PDB file of N, CA and C in Angstrom:
ATOM      1  N   ALA A   1      -5.217  -4.042  -9.306  1.00  0.00           N
ATOM      2  CA  ALA A   1      -5.949  -4.955 -10.165  1.00  0.00           C
ATOM      3  C   ALA A   1      -7.051  -5.675  -9.390  1.00  0.00           C
ATOM      4  N   LYS A   2      -7.186  -5.362  -8.116  1.00  0.00           N
ATOM      5  CA  LYS A   2      -8.192  -5.998  -7.251  1.00  0.00           C
ATOM      6  C   LYS A   2      -8.012  -7.505  -7.168  1.00  0.00           C
ATOM      7  N   ASP A   3      -6.768  -7.968  -7.227  1.00  0.00           N
ATOM      8  CA  ASP A   3      -6.432  -9.384  -7.146  1.00  0.00           C
ATOM      9  C   ASP A   3      -6.086  -9.727  -5.705  1.00  0.00           C
ATOM     10  N   SER A   4      -7.108  -9.923  -4.875  1.00  0.00           N
ATOM     11  CA  SER A   4      -6.845 -10.171  -3.458  1.00  0.00           C
ATOM     12  C   SER A   4      -6.065 -11.461  -3.241  1.00  0.00           C
ATOM     13  N   ALA A   5      -6.344 -12.515  -4.019  1.00  0.00           N
ATOM     14  CA  ALA A   5      -5.616 -13.778  -3.854  1.00  0.00           C
ATOM     15  C   ALA A   5      -4.130 -13.585  -4.144  1.00  0.00           C
ATOM     16  N   GLY A   6      -3.810 -12.882  -5.210  1.00  0.00           N
ATOM     17  CA  GLY A   6      -2.412 -12.622  -5.542  1.00  0.00           C
ATOM     18  C   GLY A   6      -1.721 -11.774  -4.486  1.00  0.00           C
ATOM     19  N   ALA A   7      -2.420 -10.740  -4.022  1.00  0.00           N
ATOM     20  CA  ALA A   7      -1.843  -9.856  -3.004  1.00  0.00           C
ATOM     21  C   ALA A   7      -1.662 -10.587  -1.676  1.00  0.00           C
ATOM     22  N   LEU A   8      -2.607 -11.449  -1.337  1.00  0.00           N
ATOM     23  CA  LEU A   8      -2.469 -12.243  -0.112  1.00  0.00           C
ATOM     24  C   LEU A   8      -1.298 -13.213  -0.231  1.00  0.00           C
ATOM     25  N   GLY A   9      -1.061 -13.720  -1.428  1.00  0.00           N
ATOM     26  CA  GLY A   9       0.102 -14.573  -1.662  1.00  0.00           C
ATOM     27  C   GLY A   9       1.401 -13.826  -1.428  1.00  0.00           C
ATOM     28  N   ILE A  10       1.446 -12.571  -1.848  1.00  0.00           N
ATOM     29  CA  ILE A  10       2.632 -11.742  -1.603  1.00  0.00           C
ATOM     30  C   ILE A  10       2.814 -11.534  -0.102  1.00  0.00           C
ATOM     31  N   ALA A  11       1.726 -11.273   0.613  1.00  0.00           N
ATOM     32  CA  ALA A  11       1.800 -11.101   2.071  1.00  0.00           C
ATOM     33  C   ALA A  11       2.324 -12.369   2.738  1.00  0.00           C
ATOM     34  N   ALA A  12       1.871 -13.523   2.276  1.00  0.00           N
ATOM     35  CA  ALA A  12       2.353 -14.792   2.828  1.00  0.00           C
ATOM     36  C   ALA A  12       3.836 -14.967   2.556  1.00  0.00           C
ATOM     37  N   SER A  13       4.270 -14.600   1.363  1.00  0.00           N
ATOM     38  CA  SER A  13       5.679 -14.705   1.008  1.00  0.00           C
ATOM     39  C   SER A  13       6.537 -13.782   1.871  1.00  0.00           C
ATOM     40  N   VAL A  14       6.052 -12.574   2.077  1.00  0.00           N
ATOM     41  CA  VAL A  14       6.769 -11.606   2.917  1.00  0.00           C
ATOM     42  C   VAL A  14       6.910 -12.157   4.333  1.00  0.00           C
ATOM     43  N   THR A  15       5.828 -12.736   4.839  1.00  0.00           N
ATOM     44  CA  THR A  15       5.844 -13.310   6.185  1.00  0.00           C
ATOM     45  C   THR A  15       6.816 -14.484   6.264  1.00  0.00           C
ATOM     46  N   GLU A  16       6.775 -15.354   5.269  1.00  0.00           N
ATOM     47  CA  GLU A  16       7.670 -16.520   5.243  1.00  0.00           C
ATOM     48  C   GLU A  16       9.140 -16.111   5.187  1.00  0.00           C
ATOM     49  N   GLN A  17       9.418 -15.004   4.508  1.00  0.00           N
ATOM     50  CA  GLN A  17      10.800 -14.527   4.388  1.00  0.00           C
ATOM     51  C   GLN A  17      11.276 -13.806   5.641  1.00  0.00           C
ATOM     52  N   GLY A  18      10.363 -13.602   6.584  1.00  0.00           N
ATOM     53  CA  GLY A  18      10.729 -12.946   7.833  1.00  0.00           C
ATOM     54  C   GLY A  18      10.890 -11.450   7.723  1.00  0.00           C
ATOM     55  N   ILE A  19      10.336 -10.873   6.680  1.00  0.00           N
ATOM     56  CA  ILE A  19      10.405  -9.416   6.506  1.00  0.00           C
ATOM     57  C   ILE A  19       9.526  -8.751   7.564  1.00  0.00           C
ATOM     58  N   ASP A  20      10.030  -7.703   8.154  1.00  0.00           N
ATOM     59  CA  ASP A  20       9.302  -6.971   9.181  1.00  0.00           C
ATOM     60  C   ASP A  20       8.032  -6.374   8.563  1.00  0.00           C
ATOM     61  N   LEU A  21       6.885  -6.795   9.081  1.00  0.00           N
ATOM     62  CA  LEU A  21       5.609  -6.348   8.507  1.00  0.00           C
ATOM     63  C   LEU A  21       5.396  -4.851   8.672  1.00  0.00           C
ATOM     64  N   SER A  22       5.906  -4.273   9.752  1.00  0.00           N
ATOM     65  CA  SER A  22       5.734  -2.833   9.923  1.00  0.00           C
ATOM     66  C   SER A  22       6.507  -2.064   8.849  1.00  0.00           C
ATOM     67  N   VAL A  23       7.669  -2.558   8.481  1.00  0.00           N
ATOM     68  CA  VAL A  23       8.452  -1.926   7.414  1.00  0.00           C
ATOM     69  C   VAL A  23       7.762  -2.141   6.065  1.00  0.00           C
ATOM     70  N   PHE A  24       7.246  -3.341   5.842  1.00  0.00           N
ATOM     71  CA  PHE A  24       6.551  -3.637   4.594  1.00  0.00           C
ATOM     72  C   PHE A  24       5.327  -2.739   4.420  1.00  0.00           C
ATOM     73  N   ILE A  25       4.543  -2.584   5.478  1.00  0.00           N
ATOM     74  CA  ILE A  25       3.358  -1.722   5.408  1.00  0.00           C
ATOM     75  C   ILE A  25       3.779  -0.269   5.223  1.00  0.00           C
ATOM     76  N   ALA A  26       4.858   0.150   5.881  1.00  0.00           N
ATOM     77  CA  ALA A  26       5.355   1.520   5.696  1.00  0.00           C
ATOM     78  C   ALA A  26       5.758   1.756   4.242  1.00  0.00           C
ATOM     79  N   ASP A  27       6.346   0.743   3.608  1.00  0.00           N
ATOM     80  CA  ASP A  27       6.711   0.859   2.191  1.00  0.00           C
ATOM     81  C   ASP A  27       5.466   0.990   1.309  1.00  0.00           C
ATOM     82  N   ILE A  28       4.437   0.224   1.630  1.00  0.00           N
ATOM     83  CA  ILE A  28       3.176   0.334   0.888  1.00  0.00           C
ATOM     84  C   ILE A  28       2.595   1.728   1.058  1.00  0.00           C
ATOM     85  N   LEU A  29       2.603   2.231   2.276  1.00  0.00           N
ATOM     86  CA  LEU A  29       2.073   3.574   2.528  1.00  0.00           C
ATOM     87  C   LEU A  29       2.882   4.648   1.802  1.00  0.00           C
ATOM     88  N   GLU A  30       4.179   4.483   1.729  1.00  0.00           N
ATOM     89  CA  GLU A  30       5.010   5.447   0.992  1.00  0.00           C
ATOM     90  C   GLU A  30       4.651   5.441  -0.492  1.00  0.00           C
ATOM     91  N   TYR A  31       4.430   4.254  -1.027  1.00  0.00           N
ATOM     92  CA  TYR A  31       4.024   4.128  -2.431  1.00  0.00           C
ATOM     93  C   TYR A  31       2.664   4.813  -2.651  1.00  0.00           C
ATOM     94  N   LEU A  32       1.711   4.534  -1.769  1.00  0.00           N
ATOM     95  CA  LEU A  32       0.387   5.141  -1.899  1.00  0.00           C
ATOM     96  C   LEU A  32       0.453   6.661  -1.721  1.00  0.00           C
ATOM     97  N   ARG A  33       1.314   7.118  -0.833  1.00  0.00           N
ATOM     98  CA  ARG A  33       1.518   8.562  -0.646  1.00  0.00           C
ATOM     99  C   ARG A  33       2.000   9.197  -1.942  1.00  0.00           C
ATOM    100  N   THR A  34       2.940   8.536  -2.598  1.00  0.00           N
ATOM    101  CA  THR A  34       3.444   9.044  -3.872  1.00  0.00           C
ATOM    102  C   THR A  34       2.322   9.177  -4.882  1.00  0.00           C
ATOM    103  N   LEU A  35       1.456   8.175  -4.953  1.00  0.00           N
ATOM    104  CA  LEU A  35       0.322   8.246  -5.883  1.00  0.00           C
ATOM    105  C   LEU A  35      -0.585   9.418  -5.533  1.00  0.00           C
ATOM    106  N   LEU A  36      -0.815   9.620  -4.246  1.00  0.00           N
ATOM    107  CA  LEU A  36      -1.665  10.725  -3.802  1.00  0.00           C
ATOM    108  C   LEU A  36      -1.050  12.074  -4.167  1.00  0.00           C
ATOM    109  N   LEU A  37       0.258  12.216  -3.948  1.00  0.00           N
ATOM    110  CA  LEU A  37       0.944  13.467  -4.302  1.00  0.00           C
ATOM    111  C   LEU A  37       0.857  13.735  -5.799  1.00  0.00           C
ATOM    112  N   ILE A  38       1.012  12.690  -6.584  1.00  0.00           N
ATOM    113  CA  ILE A  38       0.914  12.847  -8.037  1.00  0.00           C
ATOM    114  C   ILE A  38      -0.495  13.272  -8.422  1.00  0.00           C
ATOM    115  N   GLN A  39      -1.489  12.609  -7.847  1.00  0.00           N
ATOM    116  CA  GLN A  39      -2.880  12.984  -8.153  1.00  0.00           C
ATOM    117  C   GLN A  39      -3.171  14.424  -7.759  1.00  0.00           C
ATOM    118  N   ALA A  40      -2.550  14.874  -6.669  1.00  0.00           N
ATOM    119  CA  ALA A  40      -2.789  16.232  -6.181  1.00  0.00           C
ATOM    120  C   ALA A  40      -1.966  17.275  -6.930  1.00  0.00           C
ATOM    121  N   GLY A  41      -1.125  16.819  -7.859  1.00  0.00           N
ATOM    122  CA  GLY A  41      -0.315  17.748  -8.636  1.00  0.00           C
ATOM    123  C   GLY A  41       0.915  18.253  -7.903  1.00  0.00           C
ATOM    124  N   ALA A  42       1.324  17.554  -6.845  1.00  0.00           N
ATOM    125  CA  ALA A  42       2.477  17.969  -6.051  1.00  0.00           C
ATOM    126  C   ALA A  42       3.687  17.089  -6.367  1.00  0.00           C
ATOM    127  N   THR A  43       3.980  16.933  -7.643  1.00  0.00           N
ATOM    128  CA  THR A  43       5.073  16.041  -8.045  1.00  0.00           C
ATOM    129  C   THR A  43       6.442  16.520  -7.550  1.00  0.00           C
ATOM    130  N   GLU A  44       6.578  17.793  -7.209  1.00  0.00           N
ATOM    131  CA  GLU A  44       7.852  18.279  -6.689  1.00  0.00           C
ATOM    132  C   GLU A  44       8.173  17.664  -5.323  1.00  0.00           C
ATOM    133  N   LEU A  45       7.174  17.090  -4.663  1.00  0.00           N
ATOM    134  CA  LEU A  45       7.385  16.437  -3.371  1.00  0.00           C
ATOM    135  C   LEU A  45       7.737  14.957  -3.515  1.00  0.00           C
ATOM    136  N   VAL A  46       7.705  14.461  -4.754  1.00  0.00           N
ATOM    137  CA  VAL A  46       8.003  13.053  -5.022  1.00  0.00           C
ATOM    138  C   VAL A  46       9.503  12.919  -5.252  1.00  0.00           C
ATOM    139  N   THR A  47      10.122  11.956  -4.573  1.00  0.00           N
ATOM    140  CA  THR A  47      11.583  11.819  -4.632  1.00  0.00           C
ATOM    141  C   THR A  47      12.058  10.698  -5.556  1.00  0.00           C
ATOM    142  N   GLU A  48      11.150  10.003  -6.213  1.00  0.00           N
ATOM    143  CA  GLU A  48      11.525   8.891  -7.082  1.00  0.00           C
ATOM    144  C   GLU A  48      12.204   9.387  -8.359  1.00  0.00           C
ATOM    145  N   SER A  49      12.895   8.460  -9.017  1.00  0.00           N
ATOM    146  CA  SER A  49      13.542   8.783 -10.285  1.00  0.00           C
ATOM    147  C   SER A  49      12.483   9.069 -11.343  1.00  0.00           C
ATOM    148  N   GLN A  50      12.907   9.618 -12.457  1.00  0.00           N
ATOM    149  CA  GLN A  50      11.974   9.972 -13.530  1.00  0.00           C
ATOM    150  C   GLN A  50      11.238   8.747 -14.064  1.00  0.00           C
ATOM    151  N   SER A  51      11.929   7.615 -14.218  1.00  0.00           N
ATOM    152  CA  SER A  51      11.273   6.408 -14.723  1.00  0.00           C
ATOM    153  C   SER A  51      10.248   5.880 -13.717  1.00  0.00           C
ATOM    154  N   GLU A  52      10.588   5.918 -12.415  1.00  0.00           N
ATOM    155  CA  GLU A  52       9.626   5.503 -11.399  1.00  0.00           C
ATOM    156  C   GLU A  52       8.451   6.462 -11.353  1.00  0.00           C
ATOM    157  N   LEU A  53       8.731   7.744 -11.512  1.00  0.00           N
ATOM    158  CA  LEU A  53       7.672   8.746 -11.501  1.00  0.00           C
ATOM    159  C   LEU A  53       6.694   8.513 -12.646  1.00  0.00           C
ATOM    160  N   SER A  54       7.197   8.171 -13.814  1.00  0.00           N
ATOM    161  CA  SER A  54       6.328   7.888 -14.964  1.00  0.00           C
ATOM    162  C   SER A  54       5.423   6.696 -14.697  1.00  0.00           C
ATOM    163  N   GLU A  55       5.998   5.630 -14.139  1.00  0.00           N
ATOM    164  CA  GLU A  55       5.211   4.431 -13.812  1.00  0.00           C
ATOM    165  C   GLU A  55       4.155   4.760 -12.777  1.00  0.00           C
ATOM    166  N   ARG A  56       4.538   5.509 -11.760  1.00  0.00           N
ATOM    167  CA  ARG A  56       3.592   5.845 -10.691  1.00  0.00           C
ATOM    168  C   ARG A  56       2.536   6.839 -11.158  1.00  0.00           C
ATOM    169  N   ALA A  57       2.895   7.709 -12.081  1.00  0.00           N
ATOM    170  CA  ALA A  57       1.898   8.638 -12.627  1.00  0.00           C
ATOM    171  C   ALA A  57       0.818   7.865 -13.375  1.00  0.00           C
ATOM    172  N   ALA A  58       1.218   6.855 -14.121  1.00  0.00           N
ATOM    173  CA  ALA A  58       0.243   6.019 -14.832  1.00  0.00           C
ATOM    174  C   ALA A  58      -0.654   5.298 -13.834  1.00  0.00           C
ATOM    175  N   ARG A  59      -0.068   4.784 -12.770  1.00  0.00           N
ATOM    176  CA  ARG A  59      -0.854   4.087 -11.743  1.00  0.00           C
ATOM    177  C   ARG A  59      -1.795   5.062 -11.042  1.00  0.00           C
ATOM    178  N   ALA A  60      -1.303   6.262 -10.753  1.00  0.00           N
ATOM    179  CA  ALA A  60      -2.127   7.272 -10.064  1.00  0.00           C
ATOM    180  C   ALA A  60      -3.345   7.645 -10.898  1.00  0.00           C
ATOM    181  N   LYS A  61      -3.153   7.740 -12.217  1.00  0.00           N
ATOM    182  CA  LYS A  61      -4.266   8.077 -13.096  1.00  0.00           C
ATOM    183  C   LYS A  61      -5.310   6.973 -13.153  1.00  0.00           C
ATOM    184  N   SER A  62      -4.879   5.738 -12.928  1.00  0.00           N
ATOM    185  CA  SER A  62      -5.806   4.611 -13.033  1.00  0.00           C
ATOM    186  C   SER A  62      -6.641   4.417 -11.772  1.00  0.00           C
ATOM    187  N   LEU A  63      -6.296   5.116 -10.699  1.00  0.00           N
ATOM    188  CA  LEU A  63      -7.016   4.956  -9.434  1.00  0.00           C
ATOM    189  C   LEU A  63      -7.939   6.131  -9.177  1.00  0.00           C
ATOM    190  N   ASP A  64      -9.122   5.832  -8.747  1.00  0.00           N
ATOM    191  CA  ASP A  64     -10.052   6.849  -8.277  1.00  0.00           C
ATOM    192  C   ASP A  64      -9.516   7.397  -6.943  1.00  0.00           C
ATOM    193  N   ARG A  65      -9.590   8.697  -6.748  1.00  0.00           N
ATOM    194  CA  ARG A  65      -9.037   9.301  -5.529  1.00  0.00           C
ATOM    195  C   ARG A  65      -9.702   8.756  -4.272  1.00  0.00           C
ATOM    196  N   GLU A  66     -10.999   8.536  -4.304  1.00  0.00           N
ATOM    197  CA  GLU A  66     -11.695   7.976  -3.132  1.00  0.00           C
ATOM    198  C   GLU A  66     -11.133   6.601  -2.780  1.00  0.00           C
ATOM    199  N   ARG A  67     -10.903   5.794  -3.792  1.00  0.00           N
ATOM    200  CA  ARG A  67     -10.350   4.453  -3.557  1.00  0.00           C
ATOM    201  C   ARG A  67      -8.933   4.554  -3.012  1.00  0.00           C
ATOM    202  N   LEU A  68      -8.139   5.446  -3.566  1.00  0.00           N
ATOM    203  CA  LEU A  68      -6.777   5.626  -3.087  1.00  0.00           C
ATOM    204  C   LEU A  68      -6.769   6.056  -1.620  1.00  0.00           C
ATOM    205  N   LEU A  69      -7.617   6.995  -1.264  1.00  0.00           N
ATOM    206  CA  LEU A  69      -7.699   7.436   0.127  1.00  0.00           C
ATOM    207  C   LEU A  69      -8.154   6.302   1.042  1.00  0.00           C
ATOM    208  N   ALA A  70      -9.081   5.489   0.569  1.00  0.00           N
ATOM    209  CA  ALA A  70      -9.539   4.339   1.354  1.00  0.00           C
ATOM    210  C   ALA A  70      -8.391   3.349   1.554  1.00  0.00           C
ATOM    211  N   MET A  71      -7.612   3.105   0.503  1.00  0.00           N
ATOM    212  CA  MET A  71      -6.478   2.192   0.617  1.00  0.00           C
ATOM    213  C   MET A  71      -5.463   2.711   1.639  1.00  0.00           C
ATOM    214  N   ILE A  72      -5.185   3.998   1.594  1.00  0.00           N
ATOM    215  CA  ILE A  72      -4.268   4.588   2.563  1.00  0.00           C
ATOM    216  C   ILE A  72      -4.799   4.374   3.974  1.00  0.00           C
ATOM    217  N   ASN A  73      -6.079   4.598   4.151  1.00  0.00           N
ATOM    218  CA  ASN A  73      -6.708   4.384   5.463  1.00  0.00           C
ATOM    219  C   ASN A  73      -6.575   2.941   5.930  1.00  0.00           C
ATOM    220  N   HIS A  74      -6.825   1.990   5.021  1.00  0.00           N
ATOM    221  CA  HIS A  74      -6.746   0.571   5.382  1.00  0.00           C
ATOM    222  C   HIS A  74      -5.344   0.203   5.858  1.00  0.00           C
ATOM    223  N   PHE A  75      -4.331   0.678   5.143  1.00  0.00           N
ATOM    224  CA  PHE A  75      -2.964   0.323   5.514  1.00  0.00           C
ATOM    225  C   PHE A  75      -2.472   1.110   6.727  1.00  0.00           C
ATOM    226  N   MET A  76      -2.980   2.326   6.942  1.00  0.00           N
ATOM    227  CA  MET A  76      -2.661   3.048   8.169  1.00  0.00           C
ATOM    228  C   MET A  76      -3.241   2.309   9.374  1.00  0.00           C
ATOM    229  N   THR A  77      -4.447   1.824   9.238  1.00  0.00           N
ATOM    230  CA  THR A  77      -5.068   1.041  10.306  1.00  0.00           C
ATOM    231  C   THR A  77      -4.271  -0.234  10.561  1.00  0.00           C
ATOM    232  N   ALA A  78      -3.853  -0.911   9.492  1.00  0.00           N
ATOM    233  CA  ALA A  78      -3.061  -2.131   9.642  1.00  0.00           C
ATOM    234  C   ALA A  78      -1.750  -1.829  10.372  1.00  0.00           C
ATOM    235  N   SER A  79      -1.118  -0.734  10.029  1.00  0.00           N
ATOM    236  CA  SER A  79       0.137  -0.351  10.670  1.00  0.00           C
ATOM    237  C   SER A  79      -0.068  -0.135  12.165  1.00  0.00           C
ATOM    238  N   ARG A  80      -1.126   0.547  12.503  1.00  0.00           N
ATOM    239  CA  ARG A  80      -1.436   0.818  13.904  1.00  0.00           C
ATOM    240  C   ARG A  80      -1.803  -0.468  14.660  1.00  0.00           C
ATOM    241  N   ASP A  81      -2.539  -1.365  14.003  1.00  0.00           N
ATOM    242  CA  ASP A  81      -3.046  -2.568  14.664  1.00  0.00           C
ATOM    243  C   ASP A  81      -2.037  -3.701  14.771  1.00  0.00           C
ATOM    244  N   LEU A  82      -0.945  -3.630  14.030  1.00  0.00           N
ATOM    245  CA  LEU A  82       0.048  -4.716  14.027  1.00  0.00           C
ATOM    246  C   LEU A  82       0.463  -5.171  15.419  1.00  0.00           C
ATOM    247  N   ARG A  83       0.729  -4.236  16.280  1.00  0.00           N
ATOM    248  CA  ARG A  83       1.282  -4.575  17.597  1.00  0.00           C
ATOM    249  C   ARG A  83       0.274  -5.210  18.555  1.00  0.00           C
ATOM    250  N   TYR A  84      -1.031  -5.159  18.213  1.00  0.00           N
ATOM    251  CA  TYR A  84      -2.055  -5.657  19.115  1.00  0.00           C
ATOM    252  C   TYR A  84      -2.518  -7.078  18.814  1.00  0.00           C
ATOM    253  N   PHE A  85      -2.093  -7.653  17.725  1.00  0.00           N
ATOM    254  CA  PHE A  85      -2.584  -8.956  17.303  1.00  0.00           C
ATOM    255  C   PHE A  85      -1.541 -10.041  17.547  1.00  0.00           C
ATOM    256  N   THR A  86      -2.015 -11.199  18.015  1.00  0.00           N
ATOM    257  CA  THR A  86      -1.103 -12.329  18.183  1.00  0.00           C
ATOM    258  C   THR A  86      -0.740 -12.926  16.836  1.00  0.00           C
ATOM    259  N   LEU A  87      -1.548 -12.663  15.838  1.00  0.00           N
ATOM    260  CA  LEU A  87      -1.278 -13.074  14.455  1.00  0.00           C
ATOM    261  C   LEU A  87      -1.008 -11.794  13.667  1.00  0.00           C
ATOM    262  N   PRO A  88       0.247 -11.318  13.661  1.00  0.00           N
ATOM    263  CA  PRO A  88       0.541  -9.995  13.115  1.00  0.00           C
ATOM    264  C   PRO A  88       0.227  -9.818  11.635  1.00  0.00           C
ATOM    265  N   VAL A  89       0.154 -10.889  10.874  1.00  0.00           N
ATOM    266  CA  VAL A  89      -0.138 -10.744   9.450  1.00  0.00           C
ATOM    267  C   VAL A  89      -1.621 -10.407   9.212  1.00  0.00           C
ATOM    268  N   LEU A  90      -2.470 -10.667  10.196  1.00  0.00           N
ATOM    269  CA  LEU A  90      -3.911 -10.452  10.006  1.00  0.00           C
ATOM    270  C   LEU A  90      -4.275  -9.012   9.640  1.00  0.00           C
ATOM    271  N   PRO A  91      -3.762  -7.984  10.336  1.00  0.00           N
ATOM    272  CA  PRO A  91      -4.105  -6.618   9.914  1.00  0.00           C
ATOM    273  C   PRO A  91      -3.686  -6.319   8.470  1.00  0.00           C
ATOM    274  N   LEU A  92      -2.541  -6.849   8.056  1.00  0.00           N
ATOM    275  CA  LEU A  92      -2.101  -6.668   6.673  1.00  0.00           C
ATOM    276  C   LEU A  92      -3.075  -7.356   5.722  1.00  0.00           C
ATOM    277  N   GLU A  93      -3.462  -8.569   6.038  1.00  0.00           N
ATOM    278  CA  GLU A  93      -4.390  -9.322   5.170  1.00  0.00           C
ATOM    279  C   GLU A  93      -5.743  -8.604   5.082  1.00  0.00           C
ATOM    280  N   VAL A  94      -6.221  -8.080   6.188  1.00  0.00           N
ATOM    281  CA  VAL A  94      -7.490  -7.347   6.175  1.00  0.00           C
ATOM    282  C   VAL A  94      -7.377  -6.111   5.290  1.00  0.00           C
ATOM    283  N   ALA A  95      -6.266  -5.385   5.424  1.00  0.00           N
ATOM    284  CA  ALA A  95      -6.039  -4.181   4.604  1.00  0.00           C
ATOM    285  C   ALA A  95      -6.000  -4.550   3.130  1.00  0.00           C
ATOM    286  N   ILE A  96      -5.378  -5.670   2.803  1.00  0.00           N
ATOM    287  CA  ILE A  96      -5.297  -6.114   1.413  1.00  0.00           C
ATOM    288  C   ILE A  96      -6.683  -6.434   0.868  1.00  0.00           C
ATOM    289  N   VAL A  97      -7.447  -7.222   1.620  1.00  0.00           N
ATOM    290  CA  VAL A  97      -8.788  -7.613   1.149  1.00  0.00           C
ATOM    291  C   VAL A  97      -9.676  -6.379   0.988  1.00  0.00           C
ATOM    292  N   LYS A  98      -9.643  -5.478   1.954  1.00  0.00           N
ATOM    293  CA  LYS A  98     -10.453  -4.252   1.860  1.00  0.00           C
ATOM    294  C   LYS A  98     -10.020  -3.401   0.664  1.00  0.00           C
ATOM    295  N   SER A  99      -8.731  -3.333   0.418  1.00  0.00           N
ATOM    296  CA  SER A  99      -8.217  -2.523  -0.692  1.00  0.00           C
ATOM    297  C   SER A  99      -8.560  -3.117  -2.050  1.00  0.00           C
ATOM    298  N   CYS A 100      -8.783  -4.409  -2.078  1.00  0.00           N
ATOM    299  CA  CYS A 100      -9.089  -5.082  -3.350  1.00  0.00           C
ATOM    300  C   CYS A 100     -10.585  -5.115  -3.655  1.00  0.00           C
ATOM    301  N   MET A 101     -11.383  -4.569  -2.783  1.00  0.00           N
ATOM    302  CA  MET A 101     -12.839  -4.575  -2.994  1.00  0.00           C
ATOM    303  C   MET A 101     -13.245  -3.533  -4.009  1.00  0.00           C
TER     304      MET A 101
END
């Protein structure tokens, strides 16, 4: 929905709860991977339940493939950069803002 403020709020909540950011970003990447597989017509590689698959198929259709690939790139970069920052939430926040553009 390109709601960077809302997404940044979720990132702040995740950080406050002490959730491991590398695991959180990996979960985001898994979700985005599923959307990419659906867009590519490789639904046999998707392991979600039928109801989750239906929801994700609708989401996959609503995203432009270029934007989806850019989002994957942003979060892959955030995952890689996590260990180098003294403020570990910053790579996640940057990925969120870039993805919401």
